[in-house]
Amino acid sequence: MTVTRQSLVEHFRLLSDEELLTQFQSGELTDLAEEIAGSELRGRKIDCSKPDAEMSLAEKPAADDAAVDTGDLVLAARYPTAAEAYMLKSRLELEGVPAIVTDGQMAQNLVPLAIGGVRVLVPESYLSRAREIALAVEKGAFALDGASEEERP
């Protein structure tokens, strides 16, 4: 298996703050991996330049902790393909709404409609915002070329 920049980005993105910080501080990463892990830490606003970077986790503003919702996950949208569900998940996360995709692997191996499609789940407190974003995505509000579906030939 060849390790690429993209595979490292994906790997570090999936780690918790503590796991990422532990790997970064281990001294066992290659130069490329250390660069990407450091970038991910900075993106999470964790100062990894301090001698004791563990301190930076405790120094995060209390508002960040308050924003974490531990409520139940609820259905925000359902799609026939995993690709559509992951596109919505990405948009939701860009808009500050935490989301997960479920049944994506099963939909690839089975008939997606037989399992009820691929679901996008969000914390209950984010449901109304997630549905607004999902509706906007379906209407083409986030089209890459700047044109909505109605404006296209």
C-alpha atoms as a PDB file:
ATOM      1  CA  MET A   1       0.000   0.000   0.000  1.00  0.00           C
ATOM      2  CA  THR A   2       1.363   3.376  -1.010  1.00  0.00           C
ATOM      3  CA  VAL A   3       0.924   6.197   1.470  1.00  0.00           C
ATOM      4  CA  THR A   4      -0.082   9.404  -0.262  1.00  0.00           C
ATOM      5  CA  ARG A   5      -0.624  12.933   0.959  1.00  0.00           C
ATOM      6  CA  GLN A   6      -4.384  12.460   0.538  1.00  0.00           C
ATOM      7  CA  SER A   7      -4.430   9.192   2.495  1.00  0.00           C
ATOM      8  CA  LEU A   8      -2.559  10.898   5.354  1.00  0.00           C
ATOM      9  CA  VAL A   9      -4.969  13.852   5.304  1.00  0.00           C
ATOM     10  CA  GLU A  10      -7.921  11.434   5.529  1.00  0.00           C
ATOM     11  CA  HIS A  11      -6.264   9.428   8.303  1.00  0.00           C
ATOM     12  CA  PHE A  12      -5.485  12.421  10.508  1.00  0.00           C
ATOM     13  CA  ARG A  13      -8.906  13.979   9.882  1.00  0.00           C
ATOM     14  CA  LEU A  14     -10.578  10.906  11.405  1.00  0.00           C
ATOM     15  CA  LEU A  15      -8.558  10.973  14.639  1.00  0.00           C
ATOM     16  CA  SER A  16      -9.753  12.596  17.850  1.00  0.00           C
ATOM     17  CA  ASP A  17      -7.802  15.616  19.118  1.00  0.00           C
ATOM     18  CA  GLU A  18      -6.021  13.475  21.698  1.00  0.00           C
ATOM     19  CA  GLU A  19      -5.092  10.716  19.230  1.00  0.00           C
ATOM     20  CA  LEU A  20      -3.829  13.231  16.694  1.00  0.00           C
ATOM     21  CA  LEU A  21      -1.788  15.071  19.298  1.00  0.00           C
ATOM     22  CA  THR A  22      -0.333  11.806  20.619  1.00  0.00           C
ATOM     23  CA  GLN A  23       0.762  10.724  17.135  1.00  0.00           C
ATOM     24  CA  PHE A  24       2.162  14.172  16.386  1.00  0.00           C
ATOM     25  CA  GLN A  25       4.195  14.214  19.601  1.00  0.00           C
ATOM     26  CA  SER A  26       5.387  10.601  19.237  1.00  0.00           C
ATOM     27  CA  GLY A  27       8.358  11.564  17.081  1.00  0.00           C
ATOM     28  CA  GLU A  28       7.678   8.533  14.896  1.00  0.00           C
ATOM     29  CA  LEU A  29       6.046  10.339  11.961  1.00  0.00           C
ATOM     30  CA  THR A  30       7.738  10.928   8.638  1.00  0.00           C
ATOM     31  CA  ASP A  31       8.356  14.536   7.621  1.00  0.00           C
ATOM     32  CA  LEU A  32       5.289  14.509   5.358  1.00  0.00           C
ATOM     33  CA  ALA A  33       3.077  12.922   8.018  1.00  0.00           C
ATOM     34  CA  GLU A  34       4.321  15.398  10.632  1.00  0.00           C
ATOM     35  CA  GLU A  35       3.584  18.313   8.287  1.00  0.00           C
ATOM     36  CA  ILE A  36       0.037  17.093   7.617  1.00  0.00           C
ATOM     37  CA  ALA A  37      -0.654  16.238  11.271  1.00  0.00           C
ATOM     38  CA  GLY A  38       0.580  19.695  12.274  1.00  0.00           C
ATOM     39  CA  SER A  39      -1.670  21.279   9.683  1.00  0.00           C
ATOM     40  CA  GLU A  40      -4.669  19.309  10.971  1.00  0.00           C
ATOM     41  CA  LEU A  41      -3.862  20.348  14.557  1.00  0.00           C
ATOM     42  CA  ARG A  42      -3.664  24.008  13.532  1.00  0.00           C
ATOM     43  CA  GLY A  43      -6.942  23.635  11.636  1.00  0.00           C
ATOM     44  CA  ARG A  44      -8.522  22.437  14.875  1.00  0.00           C
ATOM     45  CA  LYS A  45      -7.000  25.451  16.622  1.00  0.00           C
ATOM     46  CA  ILE A  46      -4.690  23.285  18.717  1.00  0.00           C
ATOM     47  CA  ASP A  47      -1.347  25.004  19.176  1.00  0.00           C
ATOM     48  CA  CYS A  48       1.238  22.328  18.469  1.00  0.00           C
ATOM     49  CA  SER A  49       4.206  24.711  18.647  1.00  0.00           C
ATOM     50  CA  LYS A  50       4.161  24.844  22.460  1.00  0.00           C
ATOM     51  CA  PRO A  51       6.541  22.545  24.338  1.00  0.00           C
ATOM     52  CA  ASP A  52       3.546  20.914  26.012  1.00  0.00           C
ATOM     53  CA  ALA A  53       0.877  20.844  23.322  1.00  0.00           C
ATOM     54  CA  GLU A  54      -1.435  18.920  25.687  1.00  0.00           C
ATOM     55  CA  MET A  55      -2.019  22.241  27.434  1.00  0.00           C
ATOM     56  CA  SER A  56      -3.579  23.662  24.298  1.00  0.00           C
ATOM     57  CA  LEU A  57      -6.453  21.165  24.505  1.00  0.00           C
ATOM     58  CA  ALA A  58      -7.353  22.508  27.938  1.00  0.00           C
ATOM     59  CA  GLU A  59      -6.959  26.099  26.743  1.00  0.00           C
ATOM     60  CA  LYS A  60      -9.669  25.813  24.100  1.00  0.00           C
ATOM     61  CA  PRO A  61     -12.436  28.324  24.738  1.00  0.00           C
ATOM     62  CA  ALA A  62     -15.397  27.075  26.733  1.00  0.00           C
ATOM     63  CA  ALA A  63     -17.627  28.021  23.783  1.00  0.00           C
ATOM     64  CA  ASP A  64     -16.078  25.171  21.771  1.00  0.00           C
ATOM     65  CA  ASP A  65     -17.090  22.698  24.461  1.00  0.00           C
ATOM     66  CA  ALA A  66     -20.602  24.128  24.597  1.00  0.00           C
ATOM     67  CA  ALA A  67     -20.965  23.728  20.830  1.00  0.00           C
ATOM     68  CA  VAL A  68     -20.457  19.966  21.068  1.00  0.00           C
ATOM     69  CA  ASP A  69     -23.862  18.329  21.111  1.00  0.00           C
ATOM     70  CA  THR A  70     -24.161  15.008  22.875  1.00  0.00           C
ATOM     71  CA  GLY A  71     -27.852  14.571  21.995  1.00  0.00           C
ATOM     72  CA  ASP A  72     -29.368  11.784  19.944  1.00  0.00           C
ATOM     73  CA  LEU A  73     -28.598  11.520  16.254  1.00  0.00           C
ATOM     74  CA  VAL A  74     -31.601  11.966  13.977  1.00  0.00           C
ATOM     75  CA  LEU A  75     -32.225  11.501  10.267  1.00  0.00           C
ATOM     76  CA  ALA A  76     -31.539  14.652   8.257  1.00  0.00           C
ATOM     77  CA  ALA A  77     -31.651  13.130   4.760  1.00  0.00           C
ATOM     78  CA  ARG A  78     -31.677   9.839   2.887  1.00  0.00           C
ATOM     79  CA  TYR A  79     -30.070   9.183  -0.513  1.00  0.00           C
ATOM     80  CA  PRO A  80     -29.917   6.259  -2.927  1.00  0.00           C
ATOM     81  CA  THR A  81     -26.109   6.476  -3.193  1.00  0.00           C
ATOM     82  CA  ALA A  82     -23.282   6.950  -0.731  1.00  0.00           C
ATOM     83  CA  ALA A  83     -21.746   9.650  -2.946  1.00  0.00           C
ATOM     84  CA  GLU A  84     -24.782  11.903  -2.557  1.00  0.00           C
ATOM     85  CA  ALA A  85     -24.855  11.341   1.204  1.00  0.00           C
ATOM     86  CA  TYR A  86     -21.157  12.159   1.569  1.00  0.00           C
ATOM     87  CA  MET A  87     -21.570  15.314  -0.503  1.00  0.00           C
ATOM     88  CA  LEU A  88     -24.296  16.506   1.864  1.00  0.00           C
ATOM     89  CA  LYS A  89     -22.165  15.534   4.875  1.00  0.00           C
ATOM     90  CA  SER A  90     -19.320  17.679   3.540  1.00  0.00           C
ATOM     91  CA  ARG A  91     -21.627  20.638   2.968  1.00  0.00           C
ATOM     92  CA  LEU A  92     -23.119  20.284   6.445  1.00  0.00           C
ATOM     93  CA  GLU A  93     -19.680  20.227   8.046  1.00  0.00           C
ATOM     94  CA  LEU A  94     -18.649  23.318   6.063  1.00  0.00           C
ATOM     95  CA  GLU A  95     -21.730  25.036   7.465  1.00  0.00           C
ATOM     96  CA  GLY A  96     -20.793  24.004  11.028  1.00  0.00           C
ATOM     97  CA  VAL A  97     -23.273  21.136  11.359  1.00  0.00           C
ATOM     98  CA  PRO A  98     -21.734  17.851  12.588  1.00  0.00           C
ATOM     99  CA  ALA A  99     -22.945  14.886  10.529  1.00  0.00           C
ATOM    100  CA  ILE A 100     -22.314  11.206   9.896  1.00  0.00           C
ATOM    101  CA  VAL A 101     -23.208   8.911   7.024  1.00  0.00           C
ATOM    102  CA  THR A 102     -24.592   5.472   7.782  1.00  0.00           C
ATOM    103  CA  ASP A 103     -25.219   2.474   5.559  1.00  0.00           C
ATOM    104  CA  GLY A 104     -22.829   3.750   2.880  1.00  0.00           C
ATOM    105  CA  GLN A 105     -20.933   0.462   2.663  1.00  0.00           C
ATOM    106  CA  MET A 106     -24.108  -1.639   2.670  1.00  0.00           C
ATOM    107  CA  ALA A 107     -25.553   0.438  -0.161  1.00  0.00           C
ATOM    108  CA  GLN A 108     -22.528  -0.439  -2.291  1.00  0.00           C
ATOM    109  CA  ASN A 109     -22.944  -4.167  -1.685  1.00  0.00           C
ATOM    110  CA  LEU A 110     -26.726  -4.464  -1.648  1.00  0.00           C
ATOM    111  CA  VAL A 111     -29.588  -2.837  -3.476  1.00  0.00           C
ATOM    112  CA  PRO A 112     -29.677   0.586  -1.750  1.00  0.00           C
ATOM    113  CA  LEU A 113     -33.471   0.780  -1.744  1.00  0.00           C
ATOM    114  CA  ALA A 114     -33.693  -2.608  -0.032  1.00  0.00           C
ATOM    115  CA  ILE A 115     -31.921  -1.181   3.016  1.00  0.00           C
ATOM    116  CA  GLY A 116     -33.711   2.149   2.881  1.00  0.00           C
ATOM    117  CA  GLY A 117     -30.902   4.117   1.240  1.00  0.00           C
ATOM    118  CA  VAL A 118     -27.887   5.834   2.734  1.00  0.00           C
ATOM    119  CA  ARG A 119     -28.714   7.992   5.739  1.00  0.00           C
ATOM    120  CA  VAL A 120     -27.179  11.267   6.882  1.00  0.00           C
ATOM    121  CA  LEU A 121     -27.568  11.740  10.643  1.00  0.00           C
ATOM    122  CA  VAL A 122     -27.059  14.898  12.699  1.00  0.00           C
ATOM    123  CA  PRO A 123     -27.438  15.762  16.397  1.00  0.00           C
ATOM    124  CA  GLU A 124     -31.060  16.569  17.142  1.00  0.00           C
ATOM    125  CA  SER A 125     -30.331  20.208  17.970  1.00  0.00           C
ATOM    126  CA  TYR A 126     -28.960  20.747  14.433  1.00  0.00           C
ATOM    127  CA  LEU A 127     -31.840  19.072  12.592  1.00  0.00           C
ATOM    128  CA  SER A 128     -33.671  22.140  11.297  1.00  0.00           C
ATOM    129  CA  ARG A 129     -30.452  23.747   9.997  1.00  0.00           C
ATOM    130  CA  ALA A 130     -29.356  20.453   8.413  1.00  0.00           C
ATOM    131  CA  ARG A 131     -32.669  20.102   6.575  1.00  0.00           C
ATOM    132  CA  GLU A 132     -32.427  23.703   5.310  1.00  0.00           C
ATOM    133  CA  ILE A 133     -28.963  22.954   3.936  1.00  0.00           C
ATOM    134  CA  ALA A 134     -30.101  19.638   2.408  1.00  0.00           C
ATOM    135  CA  LEU A 135     -32.966  21.415   0.645  1.00  0.00           C
ATOM    136  CA  ALA A 136     -30.606  24.101  -0.647  1.00  0.00           C
ATOM    137  CA  VAL A 137     -28.237  21.406  -1.946  1.00  0.00           C
ATOM    138  CA  GLU A 138     -31.104  19.665  -3.762  1.00  0.00           C
ATOM    139  CA  LYS A 139     -32.138  22.985  -5.326  1.00  0.00           C
ATOM    140  CA  GLY A 140     -28.591  23.522  -6.608  1.00  0.00           C
ATOM    141  CA  ALA A 141     -27.716  26.453  -4.354  1.00  0.00           C
ATOM    142  CA  PHE A 142     -24.152  25.170  -3.968  1.00  0.00           C
ATOM    143  CA  ALA A 143     -23.455  24.375  -7.628  1.00  0.00           C
ATOM    144  CA  LEU A 144     -19.754  24.499  -8.444  1.00  0.00           C
ATOM    145  CA  ASP A 145     -20.064  26.754 -11.460  1.00  0.00           C
ATOM    146  CA  GLY A 146     -22.202  29.267  -9.591  1.00  0.00           C
ATOM    147  CA  ALA A 147     -25.315  28.565 -11.630  1.00  0.00           C
ATOM    148  CA  SER A 148     -28.356  26.990 -10.039  1.00  0.00           C
ATOM    149  CA  GLU A 149     -30.118  24.033 -11.670  1.00  0.00           C
ATOM    150  CA  GLU A 150     -32.860  26.312 -13.055  1.00  0.00           C
ATOM    151  CA  GLU A 151     -30.315  28.530 -14.826  1.00  0.00           C
ATOM    152  CA  ARG A 152     -28.555  25.658 -16.603  1.00  0.00           C
ATOM    153  CA  PRO A 153     -29.410  24.882 -20.255  1.00  0.00           C
END
